[in-house]
Every structure is written in structure tokens, then in C-alpha cells.
């Protein structure tokens, strides 16, 4: 996400060793209008529903953030430099749903 990329960009200055996106952080960034309006409108015009829009935006942002960390990942011996995508707490009691999503993503 835009805010995730900004957070990841602070890696050298603030010592960030990876990044995590979660639904609450993403929702907060969207409500702050952190550059998502145009993308949301475009995806909505394409007929995407809310979960599809969320997934599209989050995956784009996680992918962009991950592009910032390969040097750290390599120099740490693959111990650091990860970008994590947390699942919704609504899925906490659903074992199969998150597993299926992980395989799909």
C-alpha cells in the first residue's frame, strides 16, 4: 500500500527490517485518502466488488514494498527483509479459508 511503501522506504533511516500490512492499517490508509481514490474508482468501473478491490490494491502494494527489501534479505541471510500480509481477524476461526487464500495468492 502507499503507506506500506512509505514505511518500507524508511528502512535505512529508521532501521525497518521488513514490513507488515494488515486489514486495519490498509483501511486506515484508504480513509486517509493516501492515493487510493483513483485506483478504487477504476476497479469499481471495471465491475470489481469490494473484496476484489481490496485484494487488488493490497497485492499491488505488498509487491511494491517487497521490491524495496531484496538487499536486506540477502545481506541478512534470508532472516530479514520480508513483507507480510496479515489476514482479517474475521477469519480467526476459519482454518481452511486462510489456507486456501495463502495457496491462491
Protein backbone atom coordinates (compact mmCIF):
# COMPACT_ATOMS: atom_id res chain seq x y z
CA UNK A 1 0.00 0.00 0.00
CA UNK A 2 1.08 3.53 -0.42
CA UNK A 3 1.60 3.82 3.32
CA UNK A 4 3.35 0.43 3.40
CA UNK A 5 5.73 1.58 0.67
CA UNK A 6 6.43 4.76 2.62
CA UNK A 7 7.03 2.70 5.74
CA UNK A 8 9.33 0.36 3.88
CA UNK A 9 11.21 3.29 2.34
CA UNK A 10 12.18 4.33 5.86
CA UNK A 11 14.10 1.08 6.22
CA UNK A 12 17.54 2.68 6.05
CA UNK A 13 16.71 5.82 8.00
CA UNK A 14 14.66 4.23 10.79
CA UNK A 15 16.05 0.72 10.81
CA UNK A 16 12.98 -1.04 9.42
CA UNK A 17 13.83 -4.67 8.80
CA UNK A 18 10.62 -5.61 6.96
CA UNK A 19 7.02 -4.51 6.60
CA UNK A 20 3.59 -5.82 7.54
CA UNK A 21 0.24 -5.00 6.03
CA UNK A 22 -2.97 -5.82 7.83
CA UNK A 23 -6.59 -5.04 7.03
CA UNK A 24 -6.89 -2.35 9.73
CA UNK A 25 -3.78 -0.50 8.56
CA UNK A 26 -4.94 -0.68 4.97
CA UNK A 27 -8.42 0.56 5.87
CA UNK A 28 -6.89 3.49 7.75
CA UNK A 29 -4.72 4.40 4.74
CA UNK A 30 -7.72 4.29 2.41
CA UNK A 31 -9.76 6.50 4.75
CA UNK A 32 -6.86 8.99 4.89
CA UNK A 33 -7.05 9.00 1.11
CA UNK A 34 -3.40 8.01 0.74
CA UNK A 35 -3.57 7.94 -3.05
CA UNK A 36 -6.11 5.16 -3.45
CA UNK A 37 -9.16 7.03 -4.77
CA UNK A 38 -8.27 6.80 -8.46
CA UNK A 39 -7.40 3.10 -8.29
CA UNK A 40 -10.59 2.30 -6.34
CA UNK A 41 -12.73 4.17 -8.86
CA UNK A 42 -11.02 2.44 -11.80
CA UNK A 43 -11.53 -1.02 -10.30
CA UNK A 44 -15.16 -0.22 -9.42
CA UNK A 45 -15.80 0.91 -13.02
CA UNK A 46 -14.41 -2.46 -14.14
CA UNK A 47 -17.15 -4.11 -12.07
CA UNK A 48 -14.96 -5.35 -9.23
CA UNK A 49 -16.63 -5.86 -5.85
CA UNK A 50 -15.21 -4.66 -2.53
CA UNK A 51 -13.20 -7.81 -1.68
CA UNK A 52 -11.74 -7.88 -5.21
CA UNK A 53 -10.78 -4.20 -4.99
CA UNK A 54 -9.17 -4.74 -1.59
CA UNK A 55 -7.18 -7.73 -2.81
CA UNK A 56 -6.02 -5.98 -5.96
CA UNK A 57 -4.80 -2.89 -4.10
CA UNK A 58 -3.18 -4.81 -1.25
CA UNK A 59 -1.33 -7.21 -3.54
CA UNK A 60 -0.05 -4.33 -5.66
CA UNK A 61 1.19 -2.53 -2.58
CA UNK A 62 2.76 -5.60 -0.97
CA UNK A 63 4.53 -6.39 -4.24
CA UNK A 64 5.86 -2.82 -4.49
CA UNK A 65 7.01 -2.86 -0.86
CA UNK A 66 8.73 -6.22 -1.37
CA UNK A 67 10.76 -4.68 -4.18
CA UNK A 68 12.46 -2.47 -1.56
CA UNK A 69 13.85 -5.27 0.58
CA UNK A 70 15.95 -7.71 -1.53
CA UNK A 71 19.30 -6.22 -0.46
CA UNK A 72 18.37 -6.53 3.23
CA UNK A 73 17.03 -10.05 2.65
CA UNK A 74 20.27 -11.12 1.01
CA UNK A 75 22.65 -9.48 3.48
CA UNK A 76 20.74 -10.91 6.46
CA UNK A 77 20.98 -14.46 5.13
CA UNK A 78 17.22 -14.51 4.47
CA UNK A 79 16.46 -13.74 8.13
CA UNK A 80 15.01 -10.25 7.48
CA UNK A 81 13.56 -8.21 4.65
CA UNK A 82 10.15 -9.85 4.48
CA UNK A 83 6.86 -8.18 3.66
CA UNK A 84 3.94 -9.83 5.43
CA UNK A 85 0.27 -9.72 4.63
CA UNK A 86 -1.91 -10.48 7.63
CA UNK A 87 -5.36 -11.98 7.26
CA UNK A 88 -8.54 -10.45 8.58
CA UNK A 89 -9.44 -11.23 12.18
CA UNK A 90 -12.86 -12.24 10.83
CA UNK A 91 -11.12 -15.41 9.61
CA UNK A 92 -9.64 -16.29 13.02
CA UNK A 93 -11.94 -19.29 13.49
CA UNK A 94 -11.72 -20.44 9.87
CA UNK A 95 -8.75 -22.76 9.30
CA UNK A 96 -9.48 -23.68 5.70
CA UNK A 97 -10.23 -20.16 4.36
CA UNK A 98 -6.86 -18.59 5.15
CA UNK A 99 -5.02 -21.73 3.99
CA UNK A 100 -6.87 -21.65 0.67
CA UNK A 101 -6.16 -17.92 0.28
CA UNK A 102 -2.47 -18.47 1.00
CA UNK A 103 -2.21 -21.11 -1.67
CA UNK A 104 -4.16 -18.95 -4.15
CA UNK A 105 -2.11 -15.80 -3.54
